[in-house]
Amino acid sequence: MKLTKKNTRPLLIIVILTTVAGAFTWALLVKILLLEGIDISLTTGRIGFDIQVIAFYLSINPGTVLGIGAGFFIFMRL
C-alpha cells in the first residue's frame, strides 16, 4: 500500500500494535531464556522526561525495533 494522507492513520495503528507486540514478545523471550539459565539484557535504560507534574518513560528493546520494522513491512504488503 502506498502512503497517502488518507492512510496515515492505519499506518500508525499497525506500527503501534506491532511495536507493542514486539516489545512484549521480546520480554517474554528474555523471561523464558532466564528460566533456562541464559541471561541476556539488551533493553535500554529508561528514556523519557519528568517535569514533577507528569512523567513519561520508555524502555526500548530489540523487539521494539523489530516490531516497528514489521509494522512498516506489513503496511507495505497490504
PDB file of N, CA and C in Angstrom:
ATOM      1  N   MET A   1       0.842  -1.166   0.000  1.00  0.00           N
ATOM      2  CA  MET A   1       0.000   0.000   0.000  1.00  0.00           C
ATOM      3  C   MET A   1       0.892   1.235   0.000  1.00  0.00           C
ATOM      4  N   LYS A   2       0.566   2.173  -0.832  1.00  0.00           N
ATOM      5  CA  LYS A   2       1.316   3.428  -0.886  1.00  0.00           C
ATOM      6  C   LYS A   2       0.855   4.339   0.244  1.00  0.00           C
ATOM      7  N   LEU A   3       1.772   5.115   0.782  1.00  0.00           N
ATOM      8  CA  LEU A   3       1.452   6.028   1.867  1.00  0.00           C
ATOM      9  C   LEU A   3       0.857   7.312   1.301  1.00  0.00           C
ATOM     10  N   THR A   4      -0.361   7.610   1.719  1.00  0.00           N
ATOM     11  CA  THR A   4      -1.032   8.858   1.345  1.00  0.00           C
ATOM     12  C   THR A   4      -1.595   9.484   2.613  1.00  0.00           C
ATOM     13  N   LYS A   5      -2.184  10.667   2.466  1.00  0.00           N
ATOM     14  CA  LYS A   5      -2.778  11.323   3.625  1.00  0.00           C
ATOM     15  C   LYS A   5      -3.953  10.526   4.179  1.00  0.00           C
ATOM     16  N   LYS A   6      -4.652   9.798   3.329  1.00  0.00           N
ATOM     17  CA  LYS A   6      -5.825   9.046   3.766  1.00  0.00           C
ATOM     18  C   LYS A   6      -5.464   7.820   4.598  1.00  0.00           C
ATOM     19  N   ASN A   7      -4.297   7.245   4.377  1.00  0.00           N
ATOM     20  CA  ASN A   7      -3.982   6.011   5.089  1.00  0.00           C
ATOM     21  C   ASN A   7      -2.837   6.157   6.099  1.00  0.00           C
ATOM     22  N   THR A   8      -2.581   7.357   6.581  1.00  0.00           N
ATOM     23  CA  THR A   8      -1.566   7.511   7.628  1.00  0.00           C
ATOM     24  C   THR A   8      -2.066   6.972   8.966  1.00  0.00           C
ATOM     25  N   ARG A   9      -3.367   7.106   9.212  1.00  0.00           N
ATOM     26  CA  ARG A   9      -3.923   6.579  10.464  1.00  0.00           C
ATOM     27  C   ARG A   9      -3.784   5.059  10.541  1.00  0.00           C
ATOM     28  N   PRO A  10      -4.154   4.301   9.486  1.00  0.00           N
ATOM     29  CA  PRO A  10      -3.923   2.852   9.554  1.00  0.00           C
ATOM     30  C   PRO A  10      -2.438   2.488   9.714  1.00  0.00           C
ATOM     31  N   LEU A  11      -1.560   3.267   9.096  1.00  0.00           N
ATOM     32  CA  LEU A  11      -0.129   3.016   9.256  1.00  0.00           C
ATOM     33  C   LEU A  11       0.275   3.169  10.717  1.00  0.00           C
ATOM     34  N   LEU A  12      -0.161   4.237  11.357  1.00  0.00           N
ATOM     35  CA  LEU A  12       0.181   4.458  12.756  1.00  0.00           C
ATOM     36  C   LEU A  12      -0.383   3.356  13.651  1.00  0.00           C
ATOM     37  N   ILE A  13      -1.605   2.937  13.379  1.00  0.00           N
ATOM     38  CA  ILE A  13      -2.212   1.877  14.182  1.00  0.00           C
ATOM     39  C   ILE A  13      -1.430   0.572  14.028  1.00  0.00           C
ATOM     40  N   ILE A  14      -1.091   0.214  12.801  1.00  0.00           N
ATOM     41  CA  ILE A  14      -0.338  -1.016  12.556  1.00  0.00           C
ATOM     42  C   ILE A  14       1.038  -0.954  13.216  1.00  0.00           C
ATOM     43  N   VAL A  15       1.721   0.161  13.070  1.00  0.00           N
ATOM     44  CA  VAL A  15       3.065   0.285  13.651  1.00  0.00           C
ATOM     45  C   VAL A  15       3.006   0.248  15.176  1.00  0.00           C
ATOM     46  N   ILE A  16       2.039   0.906  15.775  1.00  0.00           N
ATOM     47  CA  ILE A  16       1.921   0.891  17.235  1.00  0.00           C
ATOM     48  C   ILE A  16       1.619  -0.513  17.737  1.00  0.00           C
ATOM     49  N   LEU A  17       0.681  -1.206  17.081  1.00  0.00           N
ATOM     50  CA  LEU A  17       0.335  -2.562  17.506  1.00  0.00           C
ATOM     51  C   LEU A  17       1.510  -3.529  17.366  1.00  0.00           C
ATOM     52  N   THR A  18       2.235  -3.459  16.256  1.00  0.00           N
ATOM     53  CA  THR A  18       3.372  -4.364  16.070  1.00  0.00           C
ATOM     54  C   THR A  18       4.530  -4.002  16.998  1.00  0.00           C
ATOM     55  N   THR A  19       4.679  -2.732  17.319  1.00  0.00           N
ATOM     56  CA  THR A  19       5.722  -2.315  18.257  1.00  0.00           C
ATOM     57  C   THR A  19       5.444  -2.863  19.646  1.00  0.00           C
ATOM     58  N   VAL A  20       4.214  -2.738  20.096  1.00  0.00           N
ATOM     59  CA  VAL A  20       3.844  -3.273  21.412  1.00  0.00           C
ATOM     60  C   VAL A  20       3.975  -4.796  21.428  1.00  0.00           C
ATOM     61  N   ALA A  21       3.507  -5.445  20.364  1.00  0.00           N
ATOM     62  CA  ALA A  21       3.619  -6.899  20.285  1.00  0.00           C
ATOM     63  C   ALA A  21       5.082  -7.339  20.288  1.00  0.00           C
ATOM     64  N   GLY A  22       5.935  -6.631  19.565  1.00  0.00           N
ATOM     65  CA  GLY A  22       7.355  -6.962  19.540  1.00  0.00           C
ATOM     66  C   GLY A  22       8.013  -6.781  20.898  1.00  0.00           C
ATOM     67  N   ALA A  23       7.663  -5.715  21.596  1.00  0.00           N
ATOM     68  CA  ALA A  23       8.237  -5.465  22.921  1.00  0.00           C
ATOM     69  C   ALA A  23       7.815  -6.543  23.910  1.00  0.00           C
ATOM     70  N   PHE A  24       6.530  -6.909  23.895  1.00  0.00           N
ATOM     71  CA  PHE A  24       6.057  -7.955  24.803  1.00  0.00           C
ATOM     72  C   PHE A  24       6.650  -9.315  24.453  1.00  0.00           C
ATOM     73  N   THR A  25       6.779  -9.598  23.158  1.00  0.00           N
ATOM     74  CA  THR A  25       7.372 -10.867  22.736  1.00  0.00           C
ATOM     75  C   THR A  25       8.820 -10.957  23.188  1.00  0.00           C
ATOM     76  N   TRP A  26       9.561  -9.869  23.056  1.00  0.00           N
ATOM     77  CA  TRP A  26      10.959  -9.869  23.482  1.00  0.00           C
ATOM     78  C   TRP A  26      11.050 -10.051  25.000  1.00  0.00           C
ATOM     79  N   ALA A  27      10.185  -9.386  25.743  1.00  0.00           N
ATOM     80  CA  ALA A  27      10.200  -9.523  27.197  1.00  0.00           C
ATOM     81  C   ALA A  27       9.894 -10.966  27.599  1.00  0.00           C
ATOM     82  N   LEU A  28       8.950 -11.597  26.913  1.00  0.00           N
ATOM     83  CA  LEU A  28       8.624 -12.990  27.185  1.00  0.00           C
ATOM     84  C   LEU A  28       9.800 -13.901  26.850  1.00  0.00           C
ATOM     85  N   LEU A  29      10.461 -13.648  25.735  1.00  0.00           N
ATOM     86  CA  LEU A  29      11.634 -14.433  25.340  1.00  0.00           C
ATOM     87  C   LEU A  29      12.744 -14.314  26.377  1.00  0.00           C
ATOM     88  N   VAL A  30      12.971 -13.123  26.894  1.00  0.00           N
ATOM     89  CA  VAL A  30      14.005 -12.923  27.911  1.00  0.00           C
ATOM     90  C   VAL A  30      13.658 -13.709  29.171  1.00  0.00           C
ATOM     91  N   LYS A  31      12.382 -13.704  29.568  1.00  0.00           N
ATOM     92  CA  LYS A  31      11.969 -14.454  30.762  1.00  0.00           C
ATOM     93  C   LYS A  31      12.147 -15.959  30.554  1.00  0.00           C
ATOM     94  N   ILE A  32      11.802 -16.462  29.379  1.00  0.00           N
ATOM     95  CA  ILE A  32      11.967 -17.888  29.091  1.00  0.00           C
ATOM     96  C   ILE A  32      13.443 -18.265  29.094  1.00  0.00           C
ATOM     97  N   LEU A  33      14.278 -17.436  28.477  1.00  0.00           N
ATOM     98  CA  LEU A  33      15.714 -17.717  28.467  1.00  0.00           C
ATOM     99  C   LEU A  33      16.315 -17.645  29.862  1.00  0.00           C
ATOM    100  N   LEU A  34      15.786 -16.751  30.697  1.00  0.00           N
ATOM    101  CA  LEU A  34      16.272 -16.649  32.068  1.00  0.00           C
ATOM    102  C   LEU A  34      15.941 -17.918  32.857  1.00  0.00           C
ATOM    103  N   LEU A  35      14.781 -18.510  32.596  1.00  0.00           N
ATOM    104  CA  LEU A  35      14.440 -19.781  33.242  1.00  0.00           C
ATOM    105  C   LEU A  35      15.368 -20.898  32.799  1.00  0.00           C
ATOM    106  N   GLU A  36      15.869 -20.829  31.572  1.00  0.00           N
ATOM    107  CA  GLU A  36      16.799 -21.827  31.054  1.00  0.00           C
ATOM    108  C   GLU A  36      18.243 -21.567  31.498  1.00  0.00           C
ATOM    109  N   GLY A  37      18.475 -20.444  32.167  1.00  0.00           N
ATOM    110  CA  GLY A  37      19.806 -20.132  32.666  1.00  0.00           C
ATOM    111  C   GLY A  37      20.605 -19.199  31.786  1.00  0.00           C
ATOM    112  N   ILE A  38      20.000 -18.686  30.736  1.00  0.00           N
ATOM    113  CA  ILE A  38      20.683 -17.758  29.830  1.00  0.00           C
ATOM    114  C   ILE A  38      20.227 -16.348  30.176  1.00  0.00           C
ATOM    115  N   ASP A  39      21.152 -15.521  30.583  1.00  0.00           N
ATOM    116  CA  ASP A  39      20.814 -14.154  30.996  1.00  0.00           C
ATOM    117  C   ASP A  39      21.268 -13.162  29.930  1.00  0.00           C
ATOM    118  N   ILE A  40      20.322 -12.598  29.194  1.00  0.00           N
ATOM    119  CA  ILE A  40      20.634 -11.545  28.233  1.00  0.00           C
ATOM    120  C   ILE A  40      19.819 -10.316  28.605  1.00  0.00           C
ATOM    121  N   SER A  41      20.417  -9.181  28.488  1.00  0.00           N
ATOM    122  CA  SER A  41      19.717  -7.946  28.799  1.00  0.00           C
ATOM    123  C   SER A  41      20.111  -6.903  27.761  1.00  0.00           C
ATOM    124  N   LEU A  42      19.294  -6.777  26.740  1.00  0.00           N
ATOM    125  CA  LEU A  42      19.572  -5.808  25.685  1.00  0.00           C
ATOM    126  C   LEU A  42      18.625  -4.614  25.743  1.00  0.00           C
ATOM    127  N   THR A  43      17.873  -4.485  26.822  1.00  0.00           N
ATOM    128  CA  THR A  43      16.942  -3.378  26.984  1.00  0.00           C
ATOM    129  C   THR A  43      17.701  -2.142  27.442  1.00  0.00           C
ATOM    130  N   THR A  44      17.348  -1.009  26.859  1.00  0.00           N
ATOM    131  CA  THR A  44      17.982   0.244  27.272  1.00  0.00           C
ATOM    132  C   THR A  44      17.434   0.676  28.617  1.00  0.00           C
ATOM    133  N   GLY A  45      18.076   1.624  29.221  1.00  0.00           N
ATOM    134  CA  GLY A  45      17.552   2.203  30.446  1.00  0.00           C
ATOM    135  C   GLY A  45      16.312   3.024  30.138  1.00  0.00           C
ATOM    136  N   ARG A  46      15.748   3.598  31.150  1.00  0.00           N
ATOM    137  CA  ARG A  46      14.551   4.391  30.947  1.00  0.00           C
ATOM    138  C   ARG A  46      14.891   5.675  30.192  1.00  0.00           C
ATOM    139  N   ILE A  47      14.144   5.915  29.121  1.00  0.00           N
ATOM    140  CA  ILE A  47      14.311   7.113  28.310  1.00  0.00           C
ATOM    141  C   ILE A  47      13.027   7.921  28.435  1.00  0.00           C
ATOM    142  N   GLY A  48      13.126   9.170  28.782  1.00  0.00           N
ATOM    143  CA  GLY A  48      11.914   9.963  28.907  1.00  0.00           C
ATOM    144  C   GLY A  48      12.157  11.260  29.647  1.00  0.00           C
ATOM    145  N   PHE A  49      11.084  11.766  30.253  1.00  0.00           N
ATOM    146  CA  PHE A  49      11.183  13.026  30.968  1.00  0.00           C
ATOM    147  C   PHE A  49      10.295  13.008  32.204  1.00  0.00           C
ATOM    148  N   ASP A  50      10.628  13.862  33.160  1.00  0.00           N
ATOM    149  CA  ASP A  50       9.854  14.017  34.389  1.00  0.00           C
ATOM    150  C   ASP A  50       9.825  15.500  34.720  1.00  0.00           C
ATOM    151  N   ILE A  51       8.639  16.102  34.678  1.00  0.00           N
ATOM    152  CA  ILE A  51       8.528  17.546  34.950  1.00  0.00           C
ATOM    153  C   ILE A  51       7.732  17.802  36.230  1.00  0.00           C
ATOM    154  N   GLN A  52       7.857  16.903  37.200  1.00  0.00           N
ATOM    155  CA  GLN A  52       7.245  16.977  38.513  1.00  0.00           C
ATOM    156  C   GLN A  52       5.726  16.804  38.498  1.00  0.00           C
ATOM    157  N   VAL A  53       5.069  17.156  37.422  1.00  0.00           N
ATOM    158  CA  VAL A  53       3.622  17.002  37.331  1.00  0.00           C
ATOM    159  C   VAL A  53       3.279  15.736  36.567  1.00  0.00           C
ATOM    160  N   ILE A  54       4.047  15.471  35.534  1.00  0.00           N
ATOM    161  CA  ILE A  54       3.832  14.292  34.704  1.00  0.00           C
ATOM    162  C   ILE A  54       5.195  13.693  34.354  1.00  0.00           C
ATOM    163  N   ALA A  55       5.211  12.389  34.288  1.00  0.00           N
ATOM    164  CA  ALA A  55       6.448  11.689  33.916  1.00  0.00           C
ATOM    165  C   ALA A  55       6.119  10.704  32.809  1.00  0.00           C
ATOM    166  N   PHE A  56       7.036  10.579  31.867  1.00  0.00           N
ATOM    167  CA  PHE A  56       6.859   9.673  30.741  1.00  0.00           C
ATOM    168  C   PHE A  56       8.189   9.003  30.453  1.00  0.00           C
ATOM    169  N   TYR A  57       8.223   7.675  30.516  1.00  0.00           N
ATOM    170  CA  TYR A  57       9.446   6.926  30.278  1.00  0.00           C
ATOM    171  C   TYR A  57       9.179   5.748  29.349  1.00  0.00           C
ATOM    172  N   LEU A  58      10.156   5.414  28.541  1.00  0.00           N
ATOM    173  CA  LEU A  58      10.103   4.253  27.656  1.00  0.00           C
ATOM    174  C   LEU A  58      11.335   3.397  27.894  1.00  0.00           C
ATOM    175  N   SER A  59      11.164   2.106  27.766  1.00  0.00           N
ATOM    176  CA  SER A  59      12.285   1.174  27.745  1.00  0.00           C
ATOM    177  C   SER A  59      12.256   0.492  26.390  1.00  0.00           C
ATOM    178  N   ILE A  60      13.338   0.611  25.659  1.00  0.00           N
ATOM    179  CA  ILE A  60      13.388   0.079  24.298  1.00  0.00           C
ATOM    180  C   ILE A  60      14.237  -1.182  24.288  1.00  0.00           C
ATOM    181  N   ASN A  61      13.712  -2.231  23.635  1.00  0.00           N
ATOM    182  CA  ASN A  61      14.454  -3.473  23.484  1.00  0.00           C
ATOM    183  C   ASN A  61      14.477  -3.849  22.002  1.00  0.00           C
ATOM    184  N   PRO A  62      15.231  -4.871  21.621  1.00  0.00           N
ATOM    185  CA  PRO A  62      15.279  -5.251  20.201  1.00  0.00           C
ATOM    186  C   PRO A  62      13.915  -5.635  19.620  1.00  0.00           C
ATOM    187  N   GLY A  63      13.019  -6.166  20.442  1.00  0.00           N
ATOM    188  CA  GLY A  63      11.679  -6.488  19.962  1.00  0.00           C
ATOM    189  C   GLY A  63      10.910  -5.253  19.539  1.00  0.00           C
ATOM    190  N   THR A  64      11.151  -4.154  20.202  1.00  0.00           N
ATOM    191  CA  THR A  64      10.512  -2.888  19.835  1.00  0.00           C
ATOM    192  C   THR A  64      10.950  -2.467  18.439  1.00  0.00           C
ATOM    193  N   VAL A  65      12.229  -2.535  18.193  1.00  0.00           N
ATOM    194  CA  VAL A  65      12.771  -2.140  16.889  1.00  0.00           C
ATOM    195  C   VAL A  65      12.279  -3.085  15.796  1.00  0.00           C
ATOM    196  N   LEU A  66      12.279  -4.390  16.090  1.00  0.00           N
ATOM    197  CA  LEU A  66      11.778  -5.352  15.113  1.00  0.00           C
ATOM    198  C   LEU A  66      10.284  -5.153  14.866  1.00  0.00           C
ATOM    199  N   GLY A  67       9.544  -4.782  15.889  1.00  0.00           N
ATOM    200  CA  GLY A  67       8.120  -4.518  15.736  1.00  0.00           C
ATOM    201  C   GLY A  67       7.840  -3.325  14.842  1.00  0.00           C
ATOM    202  N   ILE A  68       8.652  -2.279  14.967  1.00  0.00           N
ATOM    203  CA  ILE A  68       8.493  -1.109  14.103  1.00  0.00           C
ATOM    204  C   ILE A  68       8.747  -1.506  12.649  1.00  0.00           C
ATOM    205  N   GLY A  69       9.818  -2.240  12.420  1.00  0.00           N
ATOM    206  CA  GLY A  69      10.121  -2.709  11.066  1.00  0.00           C
ATOM    207  C   GLY A  69       9.029  -3.605  10.511  1.00  0.00           C
ATOM    208  N   ALA A  70       8.510  -4.497  11.358  1.00  0.00           N
ATOM    209  CA  ALA A  70       7.433  -5.388  10.924  1.00  0.00           C
ATOM    210  C   ALA A  70       6.170  -4.607  10.591  1.00  0.00           C
ATOM    211  N   GLY A  71       5.902  -3.559  11.334  1.00  0.00           N
ATOM    212  CA  GLY A  71       4.721  -2.739  11.063  1.00  0.00           C
ATOM    213  C   GLY A  71       4.783  -2.087   9.693  1.00  0.00           C
ATOM    214  N   PHE A  72       5.933  -1.535   9.355  1.00  0.00           N
ATOM    215  CA  PHE A  72       6.087  -0.930   8.027  1.00  0.00           C
ATOM    216  C   PHE A  72       6.032  -1.991   6.929  1.00  0.00           C
ATOM    217  N   PHE A  73       6.616  -3.155   7.199  1.00  0.00           N
ATOM    218  CA  PHE A  73       6.595  -4.241   6.228  1.00  0.00           C
ATOM    219  C   PHE A  73       5.164  -4.709   5.971  1.00  0.00           C
ATOM    220  N   ILE A  74       4.410  -4.915   7.043  1.00  0.00           N
ATOM    221  CA  ILE A  74       3.011  -5.338   6.903  1.00  0.00           C
ATOM    222  C   ILE A  74       2.194  -4.286   6.156  1.00  0.00           C
ATOM    223  N   PHE A  75       2.418  -3.016   6.475  1.00  0.00           N
ATOM    224  CA  PHE A  75       1.680  -1.946   5.815  1.00  0.00           C
ATOM    225  C   PHE A  75       1.969  -1.920   4.319  1.00  0.00           C
ATOM    226  N   MET A  76       3.225  -2.083   3.944  1.00  0.00           N
ATOM    227  CA  MET A  76       3.570  -2.060   2.522  1.00  0.00           C
ATOM    228  C   MET A  76       3.022  -3.264   1.771  1.00  0.00           C
ATOM    229  N   ARG A  77       2.820  -4.394   2.473  1.00  0.00           N
ATOM    230  CA  ARG A  77       2.293  -5.595   1.813  1.00  0.00           C
ATOM    231  C   ARG A  77       0.773  -5.588   1.681  1.00  0.00           C
ATOM    232  N   LEU A  78       0.079  -4.702   2.378  1.00  0.00           N
ATOM    233  CA  LEU A  78      -1.381  -4.648   2.282  1.00  0.00           C
ATOM    234  C   LEU A  78      -1.835  -4.078   0.965  1.00  0.00           C
TER     235      LEU A  78
END
